[in-house]
């Protein structure tokens, strides 16, 4: 079945290449997608929104978002944006016409089968302490074997997505996180800042100019605006954990590694007593009434775009998620709640280097210690210099990128 599928992909790639002889590619049309076609989010979203507001400036006629989601389709369509379902005939035609195809997670963010002969641009989705590649040994790229494997993988990848332009934020990220040096002849690296970080650096007026909020996002923004002068606002964003980590840690149905309902109620009392508005993005499998009946604890929907509220957050709680590197542009305290750090190291790809050296914030390992760190960090900031150091490491000369400079770098490649 694997061989048959690869042969089918090669045939589709050939058909797409042949069609490109009759259907002219144009840079006046671009297609975008994110997170396997399920969400309207991430770096693809913010570049898409910026370009939509500047079509005339860049000579663009159509920017088409590709999705499988009815919710995303209805949101964008109702706000006047061009959006198509992945397998709709109009989507396929736009794929064939568009010179530039943008993704931020994987090729199937869009309909990758029709990307051959287009510029394939991977905007990626963040840089953090975790290794992206588990490569330990650099292969000999000049060997016949390597070149043969590359050619086979390239022509049998949907839309030829085995080769693409890749957005990396610095040489350190390129070399240490993605392990790309040996593949530079395959993937052209664009060193620039992420669109979502450029968005975070805008003033509030420009942010309103570049946005498209869901009903839920509008409600949460309004809630924050109503209380931000009176309450401390905290966001907890844990990273994805694979099945091995969850099994080894026996993760509970409560956030923050809380073990039972009584302990969770004690945490609710803690945030109420300290005038904290607490947002979590956690798959909550427990009794939802515990959350729903509390005005200071909100578990955000899985499709909620946290970048719409990140500037309003006073303190970020995370563990191994790349969100902390983006929060460096907000320049407020971060706590790394790493209750399962040993298990995580042993059951995943591990970290790019010593965890403490690249995580500029206090560490907490259990819930009572976390409470102490929260109170301290709401009143103190001991990591300003460390945050600047890591920000420079991750983003280097690209810290001050604008959308204009980002697009110039993309167009140079």
Protein backbone atom coordinates (compact mmCIF):
# COMPACT_ATOMS: atom_id res chain seq x y z
CA UNK A 1 0.00 0.00 0.00
CA UNK A 2 2.87 2.39 0.79
CA UNK A 3 4.44 1.92 -2.64
CA UNK A 4 1.07 2.28 -4.36
CA UNK A 5 0.40 5.53 -2.49
CA UNK A 6 3.81 6.94 -3.45
CA UNK A 7 3.21 6.04 -7.11
CA UNK A 8 -0.17 7.78 -6.96
CA UNK A 9 1.46 10.88 -5.45
CA UNK A 10 4.11 10.92 -8.21
CA UNK A 11 1.33 10.73 -10.83
CA UNK A 12 -0.56 13.65 -9.18
CA UNK A 13 2.66 15.67 -9.07
CA UNK A 14 3.20 15.02 -12.79
CA UNK A 15 -0.39 16.00 -13.61
CA UNK A 16 0.03 19.21 -11.59
CA UNK A 17 3.27 20.03 -13.40
CA UNK A 18 1.62 19.39 -16.78
CA UNK A 19 -1.39 21.55 -15.82
CA UNK A 20 1.02 24.35 -14.88
CA UNK A 21 2.01 24.51 -18.55
CA UNK A 22 -1.56 25.65 -19.34
CA UNK A 23 -2.54 27.40 -16.09
CA UNK A 24 -0.18 30.32 -15.55
CA UNK A 25 1.16 30.87 -12.03
CA UNK A 26 0.65 34.34 -10.64
CA UNK A 27 1.99 36.14 -7.57
CA UNK A 28 -1.31 38.03 -7.47
CA UNK A 29 -2.86 34.94 -5.80
CA UNK A 30 -1.61 33.25 -2.61
CA UNK A 31 -3.01 30.35 -0.58
CA UNK A 32 -2.65 29.96 3.18
CA UNK A 33 -3.44 27.35 5.79
CA UNK A 34 -2.58 26.29 9.32
CA UNK A 35 -2.68 23.30 11.65
CA UNK A 36 -3.87 20.61 9.26
CA UNK A 37 -6.70 22.78 7.95
CA UNK A 38 -8.47 22.85 11.30
CA UNK A 39 -7.71 26.32 12.68
CA UNK A 40 -7.41 29.95 11.73
CA UNK A 41 -4.26 30.66 13.71
CA UNK A 42 -0.54 31.05 14.05
CA UNK A 43 2.00 32.61 11.70
CA UNK A 44 -0.06 31.90 8.59
CA UNK A 45 -3.01 33.79 10.09
CA UNK A 46 -1.11 36.98 10.85
CA UNK A 47 0.67 37.19 7.52
CA UNK A 48 -2.65 36.49 5.78
CA UNK A 49 -4.41 39.29 7.70
CA UNK A 50 -1.60 41.78 7.09
CA UNK A 51 -1.55 41.10 3.36
CA UNK A 52 -5.33 41.33 3.18
CA UNK A 53 -5.09 44.90 4.48
CA UNK A 54 -2.29 45.70 2.04
CA UNK A 55 -3.32 44.02 -1.21
CA UNK A 56 -2.88 47.14 -3.31
CA UNK A 57 0.57 47.82 -1.85
CA UNK A 58 1.82 44.36 -2.88
CA UNK A 59 -0.19 44.03 -6.09
CA UNK A 60 -2.25 41.10 -4.77
CA UNK A 61 -5.73 40.26 -6.02
CA UNK A 62 -6.66 37.20 -3.94
CA UNK A 63 -5.50 35.67 -0.67
CA UNK A 64 -7.28 32.38 -0.10
CA UNK A 65 -7.44 30.60 3.24
CA UNK A 66 -7.78 26.81 2.91
CA UNK A 67 -9.65 24.87 5.59
CA UNK A 68 -11.64 21.74 6.42
CA UNK A 69 -13.47 23.48 9.26
CA UNK A 70 -17.01 24.81 8.90
CA UNK A 71 -16.36 27.14 11.84
CA UNK A 72 -13.27 28.67 10.21
CA UNK A 73 -15.02 28.88 6.84
CA UNK A 74 -18.03 30.69 8.31
CA UNK A 75 -15.87 33.08 10.38
CA UNK A 76 -13.76 34.20 7.43
CA UNK A 77 -16.57 34.21 4.91
CA UNK A 78 -18.80 36.34 7.17
CA UNK A 79 -15.96 38.84 7.59
CA UNK A 80 -15.43 39.22 3.86
CA UNK A 81 -12.25 37.15 3.48
CA UNK A 82 -11.59 34.68 0.67
CA UNK A 83 -11.78 31.14 2.05
CA UNK A 84 -12.29 27.75 0.43
CA UNK A 85 -12.72 24.17 1.59
CA UNK A 86 -9.69 22.00 0.79
CA UNK A 87 -11.25 19.81 -1.93
CA UNK A 88 -13.63 22.32 -3.48
CA UNK A 89 -12.95 22.82 -7.18
CA UNK A 90 -12.30 26.54 -6.63
CA UNK A 91 -9.70 25.65 -4.00
CA UNK A 92 -7.89 23.36 -6.43
CA UNK A 93 -7.92 26.05 -9.13
CA UNK A 94 -6.50 28.61 -6.68
CA UNK A 95 -3.77 26.15 -5.68
CA UNK A 96 -2.86 25.68 -9.35
CA UNK A 97 -2.81 29.43 -10.03
CA UNK A 98 -1.14 30.67 -6.83
CA UNK A 99 2.58 31.23 -7.06
CA UNK A 100 3.01 31.24 -3.26
CA UNK A 101 1.69 28.57 -0.86
CA UNK A 102 2.06 29.34 2.88
CA UNK A 103 1.81 26.85 5.76
CA UNK A 104 2.95 26.87 9.40
CA UNK A 105 2.63 23.29 10.61
CA UNK A 106 2.64 20.68 7.88
CA UNK A 107 1.96 20.44 4.12
CA UNK A 108 -1.62 19.32 4.76
CA UNK A 109 -2.38 22.74 6.26
CA UNK A 110 -3.52 23.32 2.66
CA UNK A 111 -4.22 20.91 -0.20
CA UNK A 112 -0.57 20.01 -0.61
CA UNK A 113 -1.22 17.73 -3.60
CA UNK A 114 -1.43 20.78 -5.84
CA UNK A 115 1.69 22.65 -4.68
CA UNK A 116 4.15 21.41 -7.31
CA UNK A 117 5.59 24.32 -9.34
CA UNK A 118 4.58 26.82 -6.62
CA UNK A 119 6.81 28.50 -4.04
CA UNK A 120 6.31 26.35 -0.95
CA UNK A 121 6.87 28.43 2.19
CA UNK A 122 6.91 26.93 5.69
CA UNK A 123 6.42 29.72 8.26
CA UNK A 124 6.74 27.24 11.16
CA UNK A 125 5.08 27.51 14.56
CA UNK A 126 7.62 28.45 17.19
CA UNK A 127 10.98 27.98 18.84
CA UNK A 128 11.48 26.72 22.37
CA UNK A 129 13.62 24.41 24.50
CA UNK A 130 12.55 21.19 22.77
CA UNK A 131 14.48 19.54 20.00
CA UNK A 132 12.62 19.48 16.71
CA UNK A 133 14.99 17.02 15.07
CA UNK A 134 16.31 13.88 16.76
CA UNK A 135 19.17 13.75 14.28
CA UNK A 136 22.45 12.98 16.05
CA UNK A 137 24.68 12.36 13.05
CA UNK A 138 24.94 14.53 9.94
CA UNK A 139 24.76 12.35 6.82
CA UNK A 140 27.13 12.64 3.89
CA UNK A 141 25.10 14.80 1.51
CA UNK A 142 27.51 14.18 -1.33
CA UNK A 143 27.05 10.44 -1.32
CA UNK A 144 25.11 8.77 -4.13
CA UNK A 145 22.89 7.01 -1.57
CA UNK A 146 21.85 10.24 0.10
CA UNK A 147 21.12 11.98 -3.20
CA UNK A 148 19.09 9.02 -4.44
CA UNK A 149 17.02 8.91 -1.23
CA UNK A 150 16.47 12.67 -1.48
CA UNK A 151 15.23 12.46 -5.08
CA UNK A 152 12.83 9.60 -4.27
CA UNK A 153 11.45 11.38 -1.21
CA UNK A 154 11.12 14.64 -3.09
CA UNK A 155 9.21 13.35 -6.13
CA UNK A 156 6.98 11.11 -3.96
CA UNK A 157 6.02 13.86 -1.50
CA UNK A 158 2.60 15.47 -2.04
CA UNK A 159 3.11 18.64 -4.03
CA UNK A 160 6.91 18.18 -3.82
CA UNK A 161 6.78 19.49 -0.24
CA UNK A 162 9.96 17.60 0.66
CA UNK A 163 11.70 20.75 -0.60
CA UNK A 164 10.52 24.18 0.53
CA UNK A 165 11.52 27.58 1.88
CA UNK A 166 11.72 27.53 5.66
CA UNK A 167 11.34 30.46 8.07
CA UNK A 168 13.90 30.27 10.88
CA UNK A 169 14.45 33.06 13.39
CA UNK A 170 18.26 32.94 13.79
CA UNK A 171 21.37 30.94 12.95
CA UNK A 172 21.22 29.33 16.39
CA UNK A 173 17.67 28.13 15.71
CA UNK A 174 18.64 26.87 12.25
CA UNK A 175 21.69 24.99 13.45
CA UNK A 176 20.71 23.78 16.93
CA UNK A 177 16.93 23.45 16.90
CA UNK A 178 16.13 22.35 13.35
CA UNK A 179 19.51 20.79 12.48
CA UNK A 180 19.26 22.18 8.95
CA UNK A 181 22.85 22.96 7.95
CA UNK A 182 23.27 19.71 6.04
CA UNK A 183 20.00 20.26 4.14
CA UNK A 184 20.57 23.84 2.98
CA UNK A 185 20.77 22.69 -0.62
CA UNK A 186 17.29 21.21 -0.25
CA UNK A 187 15.48 23.75 1.93
CA UNK A 188 16.16 27.44 1.52
CA UNK A 189 16.24 29.01 4.97
CA UNK A 190 14.71 32.46 5.42
CA UNK A 191 16.01 34.05 8.61
CA UNK A 192 13.35 36.45 9.89
CA UNK A 193 10.97 36.99 12.77
CA UNK A 194 7.62 35.20 12.95
CA UNK A 195 4.53 37.08 11.72
CA UNK A 196 2.79 36.51 15.07
CA UNK A 197 5.66 38.20 16.93
CA UNK A 198 5.56 41.14 14.55
CA UNK A 199 1.83 41.34 15.35
CA UNK A 200 2.56 41.29 19.11
CA UNK A 201 4.95 44.22 18.66
CA UNK A 202 2.31 46.43 17.02
CA UNK A 203 0.44 49.11 18.96
CA UNK A 204 -3.21 48.48 19.77
CA UNK A 205 -4.50 50.61 16.89
CA UNK A 206 -2.56 48.58 14.33
CA UNK A 207 -3.63 45.32 16.01
CA UNK A 208 -7.28 46.20 15.46
CA UNK A 209 -6.41 46.89 11.83
CA UNK A 210 -4.95 43.39 11.46
CA UNK A 211 -7.42 41.05 13.11
CA UNK A 212 -10.45 38.82 12.74
CA UNK A 213 -11.83 37.63 16.07
CA UNK A 214 -14.27 34.82 16.73
CA UNK A 215 -17.24 35.47 19.01
CA UNK A 216 -15.47 33.72 21.90
CA UNK A 217 -12.28 35.72 21.36
CA UNK A 218 -14.28 38.96 21.35
CA UNK A 219 -15.98 37.99 24.63
CA UNK A 220 -12.68 37.16 26.34
CA UNK A 221 -11.09 40.39 25.08
CA UNK A 222 -14.02 42.35 26.50
CA UNK A 223 -13.75 40.53 29.83
CA UNK A 224 -10.04 41.37 30.05
CA UNK A 225 -10.65 45.03 29.15
CA UNK A 226 -13.23 45.25 31.94
CA UNK A 227 -10.93 43.93 34.68
CA UNK A 228 -7.32 44.51 33.63
CA UNK A 229 -6.94 47.59 35.84
CA UNK A 230 -8.20 45.70 38.89
CA UNK A 231 -6.93 42.12 38.53
CA UNK A 232 -3.71 40.29 37.76
CA UNK A 233 -4.15 38.24 34.59
CA UNK A 234 -2.36 34.90 34.25
CA UNK A 235 -2.26 32.50 31.31
CA UNK A 236 -1.27 28.84 31.65
CA UNK A 237 -0.27 27.10 28.40
CA UNK A 238 1.19 23.60 28.81
CA UNK A 239 2.83 21.87 25.88
CA UNK A 240 1.46 18.84 24.08
CA UNK A 241 2.39 15.58 25.80
CA UNK A 242 2.66 12.35 23.86
CA UNK A 243 1.04 9.13 25.03
CA UNK A 244 4.22 7.80 26.66
CA UNK A 245 4.58 10.92 28.82
CA UNK A 246 0.92 10.85 29.85
CA UNK A 247 1.09 7.15 30.70
CA UNK A 248 4.31 7.47 32.71
CA UNK A 249 3.05 10.50 34.58
CA UNK A 250 -0.52 9.24 35.07
CA UNK A 251 -1.70 12.74 34.21
CA UNK A 252 -4.95 13.72 35.92
CA UNK A 253 -8.05 15.31 34.43
CA UNK A 254 -7.24 18.60 36.22
CA UNK A 255 -4.85 21.28 34.99
CA UNK A 256 -1.54 22.09 36.73
CA UNK A 257 -1.03 18.45 37.71
CA UNK A 258 -3.68 18.90 40.39
CA UNK A 259 -4.66 15.48 41.69
CA UNK A 260 -8.27 15.78 42.83
CA UNK A 261 -11.31 18.03 43.10
CA UNK A 262 -10.51 19.28 46.60
CA UNK A 263 -7.03 20.36 45.54
CA UNK A 264 -8.48 22.11 42.50
CA UNK A 265 -10.98 23.98 44.72
CA UNK A 266 -8.07 25.08 46.90
CA UNK A 267 -6.37 26.50 43.82
CA UNK A 268 -9.58 28.35 42.90
CA UNK A 269 -9.64 29.82 46.42
CA UNK A 270 -6.02 30.90 45.93
CA UNK A 271 -6.73 32.85 42.73
CA UNK A 272 -9.88 34.38 44.21
CA UNK A 273 -8.08 35.48 47.38
CA UNK A 274 -5.26 37.07 45.35
CA UNK A 275 -7.47 38.85 42.84
CA UNK A 276 -6.23 36.79 39.88
CA UNK A 277 -8.02 36.20 36.59
CA UNK A 278 -6.66 32.84 35.44
CA UNK A 279 -6.83 31.51 31.88
CA UNK A 280 -5.82 27.97 31.03
CA UNK A 281 -5.57 26.16 27.73
CA UNK A 282 -5.86 22.60 28.93
CA UNK A 283 -7.88 19.59 27.78
CA UNK A 284 -10.22 19.48 30.79
CA UNK A 285 -11.78 16.05 31.31
CA UNK A 286 -13.12 16.62 34.82
CA UNK A 287 -16.36 18.10 36.12
CA UNK A 288 -16.78 21.24 34.03
CA UNK A 289 -19.18 22.78 36.56
CA UNK A 290 -16.15 23.39 38.82
CA UNK A 291 -14.75 25.69 36.16
CA UNK A 292 -17.98 27.13 34.82
CA UNK A 293 -19.15 28.25 38.26
CA UNK A 294 -16.06 30.37 38.90
CA UNK A 295 -15.71 33.88 37.54
CA UNK A 296 -11.89 33.95 37.84
CA UNK A 297 -10.94 30.68 36.09
CA UNK A 298 -11.49 30.18 32.37
CA UNK A 299 -10.41 27.16 30.39
CA UNK A 300 -10.10 28.42 26.82
CA UNK A 301 -11.47 26.51 23.86
CA UNK A 302 -8.86 24.47 21.96
CA UNK A 303 -9.34 26.70 18.89
CA UNK A 304 -8.96 29.93 20.87
CA UNK A 305 -6.08 32.03 19.51
CA UNK A 306 -4.07 33.04 22.59
CA UNK A 307 -2.13 35.63 20.57
CA UNK A 308 -5.25 37.80 20.58
CA UNK A 309 -4.83 38.27 24.36
CA UNK A 310 -1.11 37.69 24.96
CA UNK A 311 -0.29 41.41 25.32
CA UNK A 312 -2.80 41.63 28.18
CA UNK A 313 -1.24 38.82 30.21
CA UNK A 314 0.69 39.88 33.34
CA UNK A 315 2.32 36.52 34.01
CA UNK A 316 2.79 33.50 31.76
CA UNK A 317 2.85 29.95 33.11
CA UNK A 318 4.16 27.27 30.80
CA UNK A 319 6.46 24.26 30.78
CA UNK A 320 8.20 23.30 27.52
CA UNK A 321 5.96 25.18 25.10
CA UNK A 322 7.47 27.56 22.55
CA UNK A 323 5.02 30.26 23.63
CA UNK A 324 7.55 31.60 26.11
CA UNK A 325 9.87 32.71 23.28
CA UNK A 326 7.04 34.78 21.78
CA UNK A 327 6.17 36.17 25.22
CA UNK A 328 9.70 37.59 25.34
CA UNK A 329 8.33 40.32 23.06
CA UNK A 330 5.83 41.23 25.80
CA UNK A 331 8.73 41.33 28.30
CA UNK A 332 6.87 40.27 31.44
CA UNK A 333 7.67 37.49 33.97
CA UNK A 334 7.43 33.81 33.08
CA UNK A 335 7.17 30.79 35.39
CA UNK A 336 8.14 27.35 34.08
CA UNK A 337 5.96 24.77 35.82
CA UNK A 338 7.90 21.58 35.07
CA UNK A 339 6.49 18.96 37.43
CA UNK A 340 7.33 16.15 35.00
CA UNK A 341 10.65 17.36 33.58
CA UNK A 342 12.53 14.07 34.06
CA UNK A 343 9.75 12.03 32.47
CA UNK A 344 9.51 14.52 29.61
CA UNK A 345 13.25 14.39 28.91
CA UNK A 346 13.25 10.60 28.83
CA UNK A 347 10.18 10.12 26.64
CA UNK A 348 10.56 12.79 23.97
CA UNK A 349 13.35 14.22 21.83
CA UNK A 350 14.72 16.12 24.83
CA UNK A 351 16.05 19.68 24.94
CA UNK A 352 18.37 21.58 22.62
CA UNK A 353 20.70 22.32 25.55
CA UNK A 354 20.55 22.69 29.34
CA UNK A 355 16.93 23.54 30.14
CA UNK A 356 17.67 26.13 32.83
CA UNK A 357 20.11 28.03 30.60
CA UNK A 358 17.46 28.81 27.96
CA UNK A 359 14.37 29.34 30.13
CA UNK A 360 14.47 32.84 31.69
CA UNK A 361 12.11 32.49 34.61
CA UNK A 362 11.47 30.82 37.96
CA UNK A 363 10.91 27.06 38.01
CA UNK A 364 8.18 25.33 40.03
CA UNK A 365 7.75 21.59 40.49
CA UNK A 366 4.59 21.18 42.58
CA UNK A 367 1.41 23.16 43.16
CA UNK A 368 2.28 24.78 46.49
CA UNK A 369 5.64 25.93 45.18
CA UNK A 370 3.86 27.30 42.10
CA UNK A 371 1.54 29.39 44.27
CA UNK A 372 4.54 30.94 46.01
CA UNK A 373 6.23 31.70 42.69
CA UNK A 374 3.03 33.29 41.34
CA UNK A 375 2.78 35.74 44.25
CA UNK A 376 6.46 36.60 44.03
CA UNK A 377 6.48 37.13 40.24
CA UNK A 378 3.39 39.30 40.30
CA UNK A 379 5.37 41.72 42.47
CA UNK A 380 8.96 41.20 41.28
CA UNK A 381 10.88 40.79 38.03
CA UNK A 382 14.28 39.11 38.49
CA UNK A 383 14.78 37.90 34.92
CA UNK A 384 14.79 41.01 32.73
CA UNK A 385 18.41 40.58 31.61
CA UNK A 386 17.98 36.82 31.08
CA UNK A 387 14.94 37.38 28.88
CA UNK A 388 16.88 39.83 26.73
CA UNK A 389 19.73 37.33 26.38
CA UNK A 390 17.44 34.50 25.22
CA UNK A 391 15.47 36.82 22.96
CA UNK A 392 18.71 37.74 21.19
CA UNK A 393 19.75 34.08 20.99
CA UNK A 394 16.45 33.02 19.41
CA UNK A 395 15.82 36.04 17.18
CA UNK A 396 19.22 37.70 16.75
CA UNK A 397 19.18 40.40 14.05
CA UNK A 398 15.49 39.77 13.30
CA UNK A 399 14.04 41.11 16.57
CA UNK A 400 12.89 44.36 14.97
CA UNK A 401 11.46 42.87 11.79
CA UNK A 402 8.29 44.40 10.39
CA UNK A 403 5.85 42.75 8.01
CA UNK A 404 7.50 44.74 5.23
CA UNK A 405 11.02 43.51 6.05
CA UNK A 406 9.75 39.93 6.49
CA UNK A 407 8.19 39.95 3.02
CA UNK A 408 11.36 41.38 1.48
CA UNK A 409 13.32 38.47 2.99
CA UNK A 410 10.79 35.93 1.69
CA UNK A 411 10.85 37.46 -1.81
CA UNK A 412 14.66 37.42 -1.94
CA UNK A 413 14.75 33.62 -1.74
